[in-house]
PDB file of N, CA and C in Angstrom:
ATOM      1  N   MET A   1      15.224  26.080 -26.043  1.00  0.00           N
ATOM      2  CA  MET A   1      13.884  26.528 -25.762  1.00  0.00           C
ATOM      3  C   MET A   1      13.447  25.996 -24.403  1.00  0.00           C
ATOM      4  N   LYS A   2      12.779  26.847 -23.632  1.00  0.00           N
ATOM      5  CA  LYS A   2      12.258  26.473 -22.322  1.00  0.00           C
ATOM      6  C   LYS A   2      10.754  26.244 -22.413  1.00  0.00           C
ATOM      7  N   ILE A   3      10.319  25.153 -21.812  1.00  0.00           N
ATOM      8  CA  ILE A   3       8.919  24.734 -21.880  1.00  0.00           C
ATOM      9  C   ILE A   3       8.368  24.563 -20.469  1.00  0.00           C
ATOM     10  N   ALA A   4       7.104  24.911 -20.287  1.00  0.00           N
ATOM     11  CA  ALA A   4       6.352  24.545 -19.086  1.00  0.00           C
ATOM     12  C   ALA A   4       5.150  23.734 -19.552  1.00  0.00           C
ATOM     13  N   TYR A   5       4.879  22.662 -18.836  1.00  0.00           N
ATOM     14  CA  TYR A   5       3.731  21.817 -19.161  1.00  0.00           C
ATOM     15  C   TYR A   5       2.616  22.044 -18.149  1.00  0.00           C
ATOM     16  N   VAL A   6       1.390  22.063 -18.640  1.00  0.00           N
ATOM     17  CA  VAL A   6       0.202  22.107 -17.804  1.00  0.00           C
ATOM     18  C   VAL A   6      -0.581  20.836 -18.110  1.00  0.00           C
ATOM     19  N   PHE A   7      -0.736  19.993 -17.103  1.00  0.00           N
ATOM     20  CA  PHE A   7      -1.458  18.736 -17.270  1.00  0.00           C
ATOM     21  C   PHE A   7      -2.890  18.947 -16.788  1.00  0.00           C
ATOM     22  N   ALA A   8      -3.785  19.192 -17.745  1.00  0.00           N
ATOM     23  CA  ALA A   8      -5.142  19.592 -17.418  1.00  0.00           C
ATOM     24  C   ALA A   8      -6.210  18.627 -17.915  1.00  0.00           C
ATOM     25  N   THR A   9      -5.894  17.817 -18.906  1.00  0.00           N
ATOM     26  CA  THR A   9      -6.922  16.934 -19.455  1.00  0.00           C
ATOM     27  C   THR A   9      -6.882  15.566 -18.788  1.00  0.00           C
ATOM     28  N   ASN A  10      -7.982  14.877 -18.888  1.00  0.00           N
ATOM     29  CA  ASN A  10      -8.115  13.561 -18.285  1.00  0.00           C
ATOM     30  C   ASN A  10      -6.984  12.625 -18.716  1.00  0.00           C
ATOM     31  N   MET A  11      -6.299  12.049 -17.767  1.00  0.00           N
ATOM     32  CA  MET A  11      -5.251  11.056 -17.965  1.00  0.00           C
ATOM     33  C   MET A  11      -4.002  11.597 -18.667  1.00  0.00           C
ATOM     34  N   ALA A  12      -3.794  12.892 -18.654  1.00  0.00           N
ATOM     35  CA  ALA A  12      -2.601  13.462 -19.299  1.00  0.00           C
ATOM     36  C   ALA A  12      -1.318  12.921 -18.674  1.00  0.00           C
ATOM     37  N   THR A  13      -1.324  12.698 -17.369  1.00  0.00           N
ATOM     38  CA  THR A  13      -0.118  12.167 -16.725  1.00  0.00           C
ATOM     39  C   THR A  13       0.019  10.667 -16.942  1.00  0.00           C
ATOM     40  N   THR A  14      -1.099   9.980 -17.058  1.00  0.00           N
ATOM     41  CA  THR A  14      -1.063   8.530 -17.247  1.00  0.00           C
ATOM     42  C   THR A  14      -0.463   8.160 -18.585  1.00  0.00           C
ATOM     43  N   PHE A  15      -0.788   8.902 -19.604  1.00  0.00           N
ATOM     44  CA  PHE A  15      -0.319   8.566 -20.945  1.00  0.00           C
ATOM     45  C   PHE A  15       0.820   9.473 -21.397  1.00  0.00           C
ATOM     46  N   LYS A  16       0.538  10.740 -21.573  1.00  0.00           N
ATOM     47  CA  LYS A  16       1.522  11.643 -22.188  1.00  0.00           C
ATOM     48  C   LYS A  16       2.771  11.844 -21.340  1.00  0.00           C
ATOM     49  N   LEU A  17       2.598  12.080 -20.049  1.00  0.00           N
ATOM     50  CA  LEU A  17       3.765  12.304 -19.202  1.00  0.00           C
ATOM     51  C   LEU A  17       4.528  11.015 -18.931  1.00  0.00           C
ATOM     52  N   SER A  18       3.827   9.998 -18.453  1.00  0.00           N
ATOM     53  CA  SER A  18       4.539   8.797 -17.997  1.00  0.00           C
ATOM     54  C   SER A  18       5.101   7.935 -19.113  1.00  0.00           C
ATOM     55  N   THR A  19       4.494   7.970 -20.307  1.00  0.00           N
ATOM     56  CA  THR A  19       4.998   7.093 -21.374  1.00  0.00           C
ATOM     57  C   THR A  19       5.758   7.822 -22.476  1.00  0.00           C
ATOM     58  N   MET A  20       5.662   9.149 -22.495  1.00  0.00           N
ATOM     59  CA  MET A  20       6.355   9.900 -23.552  1.00  0.00           C
ATOM     60  C   MET A  20       7.356  10.893 -22.972  1.00  0.00           C
ATOM     61  N   ILE A  21       6.876  11.887 -22.246  1.00  0.00           N
ATOM     62  CA  ILE A  21       7.747  12.965 -21.766  1.00  0.00           C
ATOM     63  C   ILE A  21       8.756  12.470 -20.739  1.00  0.00           C
ATOM     64  N   LEU A  22       8.313  11.756 -19.723  1.00  0.00           N
ATOM     65  CA  LEU A  22       9.220  11.311 -18.658  1.00  0.00           C
ATOM     66  C   LEU A  22      10.347  10.419 -19.170  1.00  0.00           C
ATOM     67  N   PRO A  23      10.067   9.401 -19.976  1.00  0.00           N
ATOM     68  CA  PRO A  23      11.181   8.599 -20.495  1.00  0.00           C
ATOM     69  C   PRO A  23      12.176   9.422 -21.314  1.00  0.00           C
ATOM     70  N   GLN A  24      11.680  10.389 -22.061  1.00  0.00           N
ATOM     71  CA  GLN A  24      12.583  11.241 -22.837  1.00  0.00           C
ATOM     72  C   GLN A  24      13.447  12.102 -21.924  1.00  0.00           C
ATOM     73  N   LEU A  25      12.861  12.624 -20.856  1.00  0.00           N
ATOM     74  CA  LEU A  25      13.641  13.405 -19.892  1.00  0.00           C
ATOM     75  C   LEU A  25      14.701  12.533 -19.219  1.00  0.00           C
ATOM     76  N   GLU A  26      14.326  11.316 -18.886  1.00  0.00           N
ATOM     77  CA  GLU A  26      15.272  10.405 -18.229  1.00  0.00           C
ATOM     78  C   GLU A  26      16.436  10.037 -19.143  1.00  0.00           C
ATOM     79  N   GLN A  27      16.180   9.991 -20.437  1.00  0.00           N
ATOM     80  CA  GLN A  27      17.222   9.633 -21.409  1.00  0.00           C
ATOM     81  C   GLN A  27      17.931  10.865 -21.981  1.00  0.00           C
ATOM     82  N   ASN A  28      17.549  12.052 -21.504  1.00  0.00           N
ATOM     83  CA  ASN A  28      18.119  13.309 -22.009  1.00  0.00           C
ATOM     84  C   ASN A  28      17.940  13.475 -23.518  1.00  0.00           C
ATOM     85  N   ILE A  29      16.765  13.082 -24.027  1.00  0.00           N
ATOM     86  CA  ILE A  29      16.493  13.225 -25.464  1.00  0.00           C
ATOM     87  C   ILE A  29      15.212  14.022 -25.720  1.00  0.00           C
ATOM     88  N   HIS A  30      14.715  14.736 -24.716  1.00  0.00           N
ATOM     89  CA  HIS A  30      13.443  15.458 -24.868  1.00  0.00           C
ATOM     90  C   HIS A  30      13.566  16.634 -25.833  1.00  0.00           C
ATOM     91  N   GLY A  31      14.723  17.224 -25.918  1.00  0.00           N
ATOM     92  CA  GLY A  31      14.955  18.249 -26.931  1.00  0.00           C
ATOM     93  C   GLY A  31      14.712  19.682 -26.488  1.00  0.00           C
ATOM     94  N   VAL A  32      14.129  19.883 -25.321  1.00  0.00           N
ATOM     95  CA  VAL A  32      13.916  21.222 -24.778  1.00  0.00           C
ATOM     96  C   VAL A  32      14.214  21.182 -23.281  1.00  0.00           C
ATOM     97  N   GLU A  33      14.369  22.346 -22.689  1.00  0.00           N
ATOM     98  CA  GLU A  33      14.534  22.445 -21.246  1.00  0.00           C
ATOM     99  C   GLU A  33      13.157  22.632 -20.620  1.00  0.00           C
ATOM    100  N   VAL A  34      12.772  21.717 -19.762  1.00  0.00           N
ATOM    101  CA  VAL A  34      11.488  21.825 -19.070  1.00  0.00           C
ATOM    102  C   VAL A  34      11.729  22.581 -17.761  1.00  0.00           C
ATOM    103  N   VAL A  35      11.032  23.707 -17.593  1.00  0.00           N
ATOM    104  CA  VAL A  35      11.238  24.525 -16.395  1.00  0.00           C
ATOM    105  C   VAL A  35      10.125  24.359 -15.373  1.00  0.00           C
ATOM    106  N   GLY A  36       8.982  23.813 -15.791  1.00  0.00           N
ATOM    107  CA  GLY A  36       7.892  23.644 -14.846  1.00  0.00           C
ATOM    108  C   GLY A  36       6.816  22.719 -15.349  1.00  0.00           C
ATOM    109  N   MET A  37       6.113  22.142 -14.370  1.00  0.00           N
ATOM    110  CA  MET A  37       4.958  21.293 -14.659  1.00  0.00           C
ATOM    111  C   MET A  37       3.876  21.642 -13.642  1.00  0.00           C
ATOM    112  N   MET A  38       2.682  21.922 -14.149  1.00  0.00           N
ATOM    113  CA  MET A  38       1.527  22.231 -13.308  1.00  0.00           C
ATOM    114  C   MET A  38       0.492  21.142 -13.524  1.00  0.00           C
ATOM    115  N   PHE A  39      -0.044  20.609 -12.422  1.00  0.00           N
ATOM    116  CA  PHE A  39      -0.955  19.470 -12.467  1.00  0.00           C
ATOM    117  C   PHE A  39      -2.332  19.859 -11.943  1.00  0.00           C
ATOM    118  N   PHE A  40      -3.366  19.519 -12.709  1.00  0.00           N
ATOM    119  CA  PHE A  40      -4.747  19.808 -12.333  1.00  0.00           C
ATOM    120  C   PHE A  40      -5.553  18.523 -12.220  1.00  0.00           C
ATOM    121  N   ASP A  41      -6.654  18.616 -11.484  1.00  0.00           N
ATOM    122  CA  ASP A  41      -7.636  17.551 -11.341  1.00  0.00           C
ATOM    123  C   ASP A  41      -6.964  16.246 -10.909  1.00  0.00           C
ATOM    124  N   ASP A  42      -7.379  15.112 -11.450  1.00  0.00           N
ATOM    125  CA  ASP A  42      -6.825  13.826 -11.015  1.00  0.00           C
ATOM    126  C   ASP A  42      -5.391  13.602 -11.475  1.00  0.00           C
ATOM    127  N   ASN A  43      -4.871  14.464 -12.316  1.00  0.00           N
ATOM    128  CA  ASN A  43      -3.468  14.359 -12.711  1.00  0.00           C
ATOM    129  C   ASN A  43      -2.532  14.524 -11.517  1.00  0.00           C
ATOM    130  N   ILE A  44      -3.006  15.143 -10.440  1.00  0.00           N
ATOM    131  CA  ILE A  44      -2.156  15.318  -9.260  1.00  0.00           C
ATOM    132  C   ILE A  44      -1.796  13.976  -8.622  1.00  0.00           C
ATOM    133  N   PHE A  45      -2.617  12.960  -8.831  1.00  0.00           N
ATOM    134  CA  PHE A  45      -2.350  11.651  -8.224  1.00  0.00           C
ATOM    135  C   PHE A  45      -1.043  11.024  -8.716  1.00  0.00           C
ATOM    136  N   ALA A  46      -0.577  11.413  -9.882  1.00  0.00           N
ATOM    137  CA  ALA A  46       0.696  10.880 -10.397  1.00  0.00           C
ATOM    138  C   ALA A  46       1.862  11.278  -9.501  1.00  0.00           C
ATOM    139  N   LEU A  47       1.681  12.301  -8.676  1.00  0.00           N
ATOM    140  CA  LEU A  47       2.763  12.797  -7.832  1.00  0.00           C
ATOM    141  C   LEU A  47       2.681  12.311  -6.386  1.00  0.00           C
ATOM    142  N   ARG A  48       1.832  11.330  -6.128  1.00  0.00           N
ATOM    143  CA  ARG A  48       1.723  10.808  -4.757  1.00  0.00           C
ATOM    144  C   ARG A  48       3.013  10.132  -4.325  1.00  0.00           C
ATOM    145  N   LYS A  49       3.354  10.353  -3.077  1.00  0.00           N
ATOM    146  CA  LYS A  49       4.513   9.681  -2.498  1.00  0.00           C
ATOM    147  C   LYS A  49       4.332   8.170  -2.642  1.00  0.00           C
ATOM    148  N   GLY A  50       5.367   7.492  -3.121  1.00  0.00           N
ATOM    149  CA  GLY A  50       5.321   6.053  -3.310  1.00  0.00           C
ATOM    150  C   GLY A  50       4.871   5.618  -4.693  1.00  0.00           C
ATOM    151  N   ASP A  51       4.271   6.512  -5.461  1.00  0.00           N
ATOM    152  CA  ASP A  51       3.867   6.187  -6.828  1.00  0.00           C
ATOM    153  C   ASP A  51       5.117   6.105  -7.697  1.00  0.00           C
ATOM    154  N   GLU A  52       5.248   5.044  -8.479  1.00  0.00           N
ATOM    155  CA  GLU A  52       6.456   4.851  -9.293  1.00  0.00           C
ATOM    156  C   GLU A  52       6.701   6.034 -10.230  1.00  0.00           C
ATOM    157  N   VAL A  53       5.665   6.467 -10.919  1.00  0.00           N
ATOM    158  CA  VAL A  53       5.813   7.593 -11.845  1.00  0.00           C
ATOM    159  C   VAL A  53       6.170   8.857 -11.066  1.00  0.00           C
ATOM    160  N   GLY A  54       5.498   9.078  -9.964  1.00  0.00           N
ATOM    161  CA  GLY A  54       5.780  10.255  -9.147  1.00  0.00           C
ATOM    162  C   GLY A  54       7.206  10.301  -8.643  1.00  0.00           C
ATOM    163  N   GLU A  55       7.707   9.163  -8.211  1.00  0.00           N
ATOM    164  CA  GLU A  55       9.086   9.113  -7.719  1.00  0.00           C
ATOM    165  C   GLU A  55      10.079   9.388  -8.843  1.00  0.00           C
ATOM    166  N   ARG A  56       9.771   8.890 -10.034  1.00  0.00           N
ATOM    167  CA  ARG A  56      10.642   9.162 -11.193  1.00  0.00           C
ATOM    168  C   ARG A  56      10.603  10.646 -11.559  1.00  0.00           C
ATOM    169  N   ILE A  57       9.409  11.235 -11.512  1.00  0.00           N
ATOM    170  CA  ILE A  57       9.276  12.663 -11.802  1.00  0.00           C
ATOM    171  C   ILE A  57      10.051  13.475 -10.769  1.00  0.00           C
ATOM    172  N   ALA A  58       9.941  13.117  -9.505  1.00  0.00           N
ATOM    173  CA  ALA A  58      10.646  13.847  -8.448  1.00  0.00           C
ATOM    174  C   ALA A  58      12.151  13.798  -8.663  1.00  0.00           C
ATOM    175  N   LYS A  59      12.658  12.650  -9.059  1.00  0.00           N
ATOM    176  CA  LYS A  59      14.098  12.493  -9.293  1.00  0.00           C
ATOM    177  C   LYS A  59      14.551  13.393 -10.439  1.00  0.00           C
ATOM    178  N   ILE A  60      13.837  13.354 -11.546  1.00  0.00           N
ATOM    179  CA  ILE A  60      14.173  14.184 -12.704  1.00  0.00           C
ATOM    180  C   ILE A  60      14.029  15.660 -12.365  1.00  0.00           C
ATOM    181  N   SER A  61      12.993  15.996 -11.623  1.00  0.00           N
ATOM    182  CA  SER A  61      12.767  17.384 -11.232  1.00  0.00           C
ATOM    183  C   SER A  61      13.938  17.920 -10.415  1.00  0.00           C
ATOM    184  N   ALA A  62      14.417  17.118  -9.481  1.00  0.00           N
ATOM    185  CA  ALA A  62      15.547  17.544  -8.656  1.00  0.00           C
ATOM    186  C   ALA A  62      16.820  17.684  -9.492  1.00  0.00           C
ATOM    187  N   GLU A  63      17.040  16.756 -10.398  1.00  0.00           N
ATOM    188  CA  GLU A  63      18.246  16.780 -11.232  1.00  0.00           C
ATOM    189  C   GLU A  63      18.236  17.935 -12.235  1.00  0.00           C
ATOM    190  N   GLN A  64      17.046  18.259 -12.769  1.00  0.00           N
ATOM    191  CA  GLN A  64      16.952  19.232 -13.854  1.00  0.00           C
ATOM    192  C   GLN A  64      16.302  20.555 -13.429  1.00  0.00           C
ATOM    193  N   ASN A  65      16.078  20.709 -12.125  1.00  0.00           N
ATOM    194  CA  ASN A  65      15.506  21.947 -11.583  1.00  0.00           C
ATOM    195  C   ASN A  65      14.162  22.291 -12.235  1.00  0.00           C
ATOM    196  N   ILE A  66      13.236  21.338 -12.202  1.00  0.00           N
ATOM    197  CA  ILE A  66      11.899  21.515 -12.784  1.00  0.00           C
ATOM    198  C   ILE A  66      10.907  21.771 -11.655  1.00  0.00           C
ATOM    199  N   LEU A  67      10.161  22.857 -11.759  1.00  0.00           N
ATOM    200  CA  LEU A  67       9.109  23.157 -10.799  1.00  0.00           C
ATOM    201  C   LEU A  67       7.994  22.117 -10.924  1.00  0.00           C
ATOM    202  N   LEU A  68       7.551  21.567  -9.800  1.00  0.00           N
ATOM    203  CA  LEU A  68       6.397  20.666  -9.767  1.00  0.00           C
ATOM    204  C   LEU A  68       5.342  21.316  -8.887  1.00  0.00           C
ATOM    205  N   MET A  69       4.225  21.729  -9.481  1.00  0.00           N
ATOM    206  CA  MET A  69       3.171  22.392  -8.724  1.00  0.00           C
ATOM    207  C   MET A  69       1.841  21.709  -8.996  1.00  0.00           C
ATOM    208  N   VAL A  70       1.093  21.499  -7.921  1.00  0.00           N
ATOM    209  CA  VAL A  70      -0.266  20.974  -8.049  1.00  0.00           C
ATOM    210  C   VAL A  70      -1.239  22.108  -7.766  1.00  0.00           C
ATOM    211  N   CYS A  71      -2.339  22.080  -8.458  1.00  0.00           N
ATOM    212  CA  CYS A  71      -3.402  23.051  -8.221  1.00  0.00           C
ATOM    213  C   CYS A  71      -3.829  22.950  -6.761  1.00  0.00           C
ATOM    214  N   ASP A  72      -3.781  24.068  -6.046  1.00  0.00           N
ATOM    215  CA  ASP A  72      -4.121  24.037  -4.625  1.00  0.00           C
ATOM    216  C   ASP A  72      -5.558  23.604  -4.386  1.00  0.00           C
ATOM    217  N   GLN A  73      -6.491  24.091  -5.189  1.00  0.00           N
ATOM    218  CA  GLN A  73      -7.892  23.717  -5.020  1.00  0.00           C
ATOM    219  C   GLN A  73      -8.119  22.238  -5.331  1.00  0.00           C
ATOM    220  N   CYS A  74      -7.432  21.732  -6.355  1.00  0.00           N
ATOM    221  CA  CYS A  74      -7.539  20.313  -6.707  1.00  0.00           C
ATOM    222  C   CYS A  74      -7.017  19.455  -5.557  1.00  0.00           C
ATOM    223  N   ALA A  75      -5.931  19.884  -4.930  1.00  0.00           N
ATOM    224  CA  ALA A  75      -5.341  19.136  -3.814  1.00  0.00           C
ATOM    225  C   ALA A  75      -6.237  19.207  -2.580  1.00  0.00           C
ATOM    226  N   VAL A  76      -6.807  20.366  -2.293  1.00  0.00           N
ATOM    227  CA  VAL A  76      -7.716  20.485  -1.148  1.00  0.00           C
ATOM    228  C   VAL A  76      -8.918  19.570  -1.354  1.00  0.00           C
ATOM    229  N   ARG A  77      -9.483  19.551  -2.556  1.00  0.00           N
ATOM    230  CA  ARG A  77     -10.646  18.700  -2.859  1.00  0.00           C
ATOM    231  C   ARG A  77     -10.354  17.215  -2.651  1.00  0.00           C
ATOM    232  N   ARG A  78      -9.096  16.826  -2.842  1.00  0.00           N
ATOM    233  CA  ARG A  78      -8.716  15.416  -2.749  1.00  0.00           C
ATOM    234  C   ARG A  78      -8.020  15.087  -1.423  1.00  0.00           C
ATOM    235  N   ASN A  79      -8.124  15.997  -0.454  1.00  0.00           N
ATOM    236  CA  ASN A  79      -7.510  15.835   0.862  1.00  0.00           C
ATOM    237  C   ASN A  79      -5.996  15.601   0.751  1.00  0.00           C
ATOM    238  N   MET A  80      -5.367  16.294  -0.182  1.00  0.00           N
ATOM    239  CA  MET A  80      -3.923  16.174  -0.372  1.00  0.00           C
ATOM    240  C   MET A  80      -3.230  17.510  -0.141  1.00  0.00           C
ATOM    241  N   ALA A  81      -3.855  18.328   0.698  1.00  0.00           N
ATOM    242  CA  ALA A  81      -3.270  19.617   1.056  1.00  0.00           C
ATOM    243  C   ALA A  81      -3.840  20.060   2.388  1.00  0.00           C
ATOM    244  N   THR A  82      -3.071  20.885   3.063  1.00  0.00           N
ATOM    245  CA  THR A  82      -3.598  21.538   4.252  1.00  0.00           C
ATOM    246  C   THR A  82      -3.991  22.945   3.842  1.00  0.00           C
ATOM    247  N   GLY A  83      -5.166  23.326   4.251  1.00  0.00           N
ATOM    248  CA  GLY A  83      -5.687  24.634   3.885  1.00  0.00           C
ATOM    249  C   GLY A  83      -7.158  24.520   3.523  1.00  0.00           C
ATOM    250  N   THR A  84      -7.744  25.652   3.202  1.00  0.00           N
ATOM    251  CA  THR A  84      -9.164  25.713   2.886  1.00  0.00           C
ATOM    252  C   THR A  84      -9.351  26.274   1.478  1.00  0.00           C
ATOM    253  N   PHE A  85     -10.556  26.129   0.973  1.00  0.00           N
ATOM    254  CA  PHE A  85     -10.858  26.674  -0.347  1.00  0.00           C
ATOM    255  C   PHE A  85     -10.673  28.196  -0.363  1.00  0.00           C
ATOM    256  N   GLU A  86     -10.964  28.829   0.765  1.00  0.00           N
ATOM    257  CA  GLU A  86     -10.803  30.278   0.846  1.00  0.00           C
ATOM    258  C   GLU A  86      -9.340  30.701   0.727  1.00  0.00           C
ATOM    259  N   GLN A  87      -8.425  29.821   1.059  1.00  0.00           N
ATOM    260  CA  GLN A  87      -6.993  30.123   0.978  1.00  0.00           C
ATOM    261  C   GLN A  87      -6.403  29.851  -0.405  1.00  0.00           C
ATOM    262  N   CYS A  88      -7.158  29.184  -1.253  1.00  0.00           N
ATOM    263  CA  CYS A  88      -6.648  28.869  -2.588  1.00  0.00           C
ATOM    264  C   CYS A  88      -6.314  30.156  -3.336  1.00  0.00           C
ATOM    265  N   GLY A  89      -5.161  30.131  -3.981  1.00  0.00           N
ATOM    266  CA  GLY A  89      -4.702  31.296  -4.727  1.00  0.00           C
ATOM    267  C   GLY A  89      -3.886  32.274  -3.913  1.00  0.00           C
ATOM    268  N   THR A  90      -3.792  32.044  -2.602  1.00  0.00           N
ATOM    269  CA  THR A  90      -3.053  32.970  -1.732  1.00  0.00           C
ATOM    270  C   THR A  90      -1.628  32.506  -1.454  1.00  0.00           C
ATOM    271  N   GLY A  91      -1.337  31.243  -1.752  1.00  0.00           N
ATOM    272  CA  GLY A  91      -0.033  30.691  -1.416  1.00  0.00           C
ATOM    273  C   GLY A  91       0.022  30.060  -0.036  1.00  0.00           C
ATOM    274  N   GLU A  92      -1.100  30.043   0.656  1.00  0.00           N
ATOM    275  CA  GLU A  92      -1.148  29.500   2.009  1.00  0.00           C
ATOM    276  C   GLU A  92      -1.420  27.998   2.052  1.00  0.00           C
ATOM    277  N   VAL A  93      -1.938  27.429   0.981  1.00  0.00           N
ATOM    278  CA  VAL A  93      -2.242  25.998   0.935  1.00  0.00           C
ATOM    279  C   VAL A  93      -0.937  25.229   0.778  1.00  0.00           C
ATOM    280  N   LYS A  94      -0.756  24.175   1.573  1.00  0.00           N
ATOM    281  CA  LYS A  94       0.467  23.375   1.538  1.00  0.00           C
ATOM    282  C   LYS A  94       0.152  21.950   1.078  1.00  0.00           C
ATOM    283  N   ALA A  95       0.923  21.482   0.112  1.00  0.00           N
ATOM    284  CA  ALA A  95       0.755  20.121  -0.407  1.00  0.00           C
ATOM    285  C   ALA A  95       1.112  19.105   0.663  1.00  0.00           C
ATOM    286  N   LYS A  96       0.415  17.954   0.666  1.00  0.00           N
ATOM    287  CA  LYS A  96       0.763  16.871   1.591  1.00  0.00           C
ATOM    288  C   LYS A  96       0.553  15.529   0.894  1.00  0.00           C
ATOM    289  N   GLY A  97       1.435  14.589   1.208  1.00  0.00           N
ATOM    290  CA  GLY A  97       1.309  13.254   0.635  1.00  0.00           C
ATOM    291  C   GLY A  97       1.915  13.107  -0.746  1.00  0.00           C
ATOM    292  N   PHE A  98       2.659  14.111  -1.176  1.00  0.00           N
ATOM    293  CA  PHE A  98       3.265  14.083  -2.500  1.00  0.00           C
ATOM    294  C   PHE A  98       4.754  13.747  -2.408  1.00  0.00           C
ATOM    295  N   VAL A  99       5.336  13.417  -3.547  1.00  0.00           N
ATOM    296  CA  VAL A  99       6.777  13.182  -3.623  1.00  0.00           C
ATOM    297  C   VAL A  99       7.507  14.478  -3.267  1.00  0.00           C
ATOM    298  N   ASP A 100       8.778  14.360  -2.969  1.00  0.00           N
ATOM    299  CA  ASP A 100       9.581  15.519  -2.604  1.00  0.00           C
ATOM    300  C   ASP A 100       9.585  16.569  -3.711  1.00  0.00           C
ATOM    301  N   GLY A 101       9.517  17.809  -3.307  1.00  0.00           N
ATOM    302  CA  GLY A 101       9.630  18.913  -4.242  1.00  0.00           C
ATOM    303  C   GLY A 101       8.327  19.474  -4.764  1.00  0.00           C
ATOM    304  N   VAL A 102       7.207  18.831  -4.464  1.00  0.00           N
ATOM    305  CA  VAL A 102       5.913  19.294  -4.973  1.00  0.00           C
ATOM    306  C   VAL A 102       5.373  20.407  -4.075  1.00  0.00           C
ATOM    307  N   VAL A 103       4.916  21.471  -4.717  1.00  0.00           N
ATOM    308  CA  VAL A 103       4.275  22.568  -4.001  1.00  0.00           C
ATOM    309  C   VAL A 103       2.856  22.733  -4.523  1.00  0.00           C
ATOM    310  N   ALA A 104       2.003  23.305  -3.691  1.00  0.00           N
ATOM    311  CA  ALA A 104       0.628  23.599  -4.096  1.00  0.00           C
ATOM    312  C   ALA A 104       0.521  25.087  -4.400  1.00  0.00           C
ATOM    313  N   GLY A 105      -0.300  25.420  -5.380  1.00  0.00           N
ATOM    314  CA  GLY A 105      -0.499  26.824  -5.707  1.00  0.00           C
ATOM    315  C   GLY A 105      -1.536  26.995  -6.783  1.00  0.00           C
ATOM    316  N   CYS A 106      -1.720  28.246  -7.131  1.00  0.00           N
ATOM    317  CA  CYS A 106      -2.628  28.597  -8.212  1.00  0.00           C
ATOM    318  C   CYS A 106      -1.837  29.478  -9.178  1.00  0.00           C
ATOM    319  N   PHE A 107      -2.500  30.082 -10.108  1.00  0.00           N
ATOM    320  CA  PHE A 107      -1.784  30.843 -11.129  1.00  0.00           C
ATOM    321  C   PHE A 107      -0.873  31.927 -10.565  1.00  0.00           C
ATOM    322  N   PRO A 108      -1.273  32.679  -9.543  1.00  0.00           N
ATOM    323  CA  PRO A 108      -0.332  33.675  -9.021  1.00  0.00           C
ATOM    324  C   PRO A 108       0.975  33.054  -8.532  1.00  0.00           C
ATOM    325  N   GLN A 109       0.897  31.892  -7.869  1.00  0.00           N
ATOM    326  CA  GLN A 109       2.107  31.229  -7.385  1.00  0.00           C
ATOM    327  C   GLN A 109       2.908  30.641  -8.544  1.00  0.00           C
ATOM    328  N   LEU A 110       2.215  30.144  -9.569  1.00  0.00           N
ATOM    329  CA  LEU A 110       2.898  29.612 -10.744  1.00  0.00           C
ATOM    330  C   LEU A 110       3.686  30.709 -11.454  1.00  0.00           C
ATOM    331  N   TYR A 111       3.063  31.865 -11.641  1.00  0.00           N
ATOM    332  CA  TYR A 111       3.740  32.972 -12.313  1.00  0.00           C
ATOM    333  C   TYR A 111       4.974  33.411 -11.530  1.00  0.00           C
ATOM    334  N   THR A 112       4.833  33.498 -10.211  1.00  0.00           N
ATOM    335  CA  THR A 112       5.961  33.906  -9.368  1.00  0.00           C
ATOM    336  C   THR A 112       7.075  32.871  -9.425  1.00  0.00           C
ATOM    337  N   ALA A 113       6.712  31.601  -9.319  1.00  0.00           N
ATOM    338  CA  ALA A 113       7.720  30.530  -9.304  1.00  0.00           C
ATOM    339  C   ALA A 113       8.490  30.454 -10.615  1.00  0.00           C
ATOM    340  N   LEU A 114       7.817  30.703 -11.722  1.00  0.00           N
ATOM    341  CA  LEU A 114       8.484  30.641 -13.027  1.00  0.00           C
ATOM    342  C   LEU A 114       9.076  31.990 -13.459  1.00  0.00           C
ATOM    343  N   GLY A 115       8.816  33.030 -12.705  1.00  0.00           N
ATOM    344  CA  GLY A 115       9.254  34.365 -13.073  1.00  0.00           C
ATOM    345  C   GLY A 115      10.748  34.513 -13.245  1.00  0.00           C
ATOM    346  N   GLY A 116      11.530  33.812 -12.435  1.00  0.00           N
ATOM    347  CA  GLY A 116      12.977  33.903 -12.537  1.00  0.00           C
ATOM    348  C   GLY A 116      13.559  33.056 -13.654  1.00  0.00           C
ATOM    349  N   ASN A 117      12.776  32.141 -14.170  1.00  0.00           N
ATOM    350  CA  ASN A 117      13.222  31.248 -15.241  1.00  0.00           C
ATOM    351  C   ASN A 117      12.023  30.985 -16.162  1.00  0.00           C
ATOM    352  N   PRO A 118      11.546  32.014 -16.846  1.00  0.00           N
ATOM    353  CA  PRO A 118      10.293  31.879 -17.592  1.00  0.00           C
ATOM    354  C   PRO A 118      10.407  30.968 -18.807  1.00  0.00           C
ATOM    355  N   PRO A 119       9.326  30.233 -19.087  1.00  0.00           N
ATOM    356  CA  PRO A 119       9.319  29.398 -20.289  1.00  0.00           C
ATOM    357  C   PRO A 119       9.117  30.243 -21.543  1.00  0.00           C
ATOM    358  N   ASP A 120       9.603  29.726 -22.654  1.00  0.00           N
ATOM    359  CA  ASP A 120       9.324  30.346 -23.946  1.00  0.00           C
ATOM    360  C   ASP A 120       7.938  29.949 -24.440  1.00  0.00           C
ATOM    361  N   GLN A 121       7.522  28.743 -24.056  1.00  0.00           N
ATOM    362  CA  GLN A 121       6.203  28.248 -24.446  1.00  0.00           C
ATOM    363  C   GLN A 121       5.599  27.471 -23.298  1.00  0.00           C
ATOM    364  N   VAL A 122       4.268  27.503 -23.231  1.00  0.00           N
ATOM    365  CA  VAL A 122       3.510  26.707 -22.279  1.00  0.00           C
ATOM    366  C   VAL A 122       2.662  25.751 -23.098  1.00  0.00           C
ATOM    367  N   ILE A 123       2.762  24.477 -22.771  1.00  0.00           N
ATOM    368  CA  ILE A 123       2.018  23.445 -23.505  1.00  0.00           C
ATOM    369  C   ILE A 123       1.003  22.830 -22.534  1.00  0.00           C
ATOM    370  N   THR A 124      -0.260  22.860 -22.914  1.00  0.00           N
ATOM    371  CA  THR A 124      -1.307  22.257 -22.105  1.00  0.00           C
ATOM    372  C   THR A 124      -1.687  20.918 -22.692  1.00  0.00           C
ATOM    373  N   LEU A 125      -1.608  19.908 -21.869  1.00  0.00           N
ATOM    374  CA  LEU A 125      -1.948  18.539 -22.277  1.00  0.00           C
ATOM    375  C   LEU A 125      -3.121  18.036 -21.441  1.00  0.00           C
TER     376      LEU A 125
END
């Protein structure tokens, strides 16, 4: 089964991702194939360059071909992207200050990125 995670609730990356999902992925015991992760609001901070959790996520993402996308508007609001609010959703906003492999986007970019390897289920945390 292929899964995509959406981290939308307060502290979803602090607790659920960093203490449950990530260790399971690192130990190859998660039980499903994770094809993508989308980060909203302050959850994007887990992917900052130099952050221990972010660096671990980047490593696993590269090894297991997992899409890492941050909400473009959330990144613009936090000065972690180049672009404007008017460009959000167009694919023109570029992530900055994140670990390797992170892209910025909105739902149209998420759908396109996962289109070639679609998940069977999307789980919002």
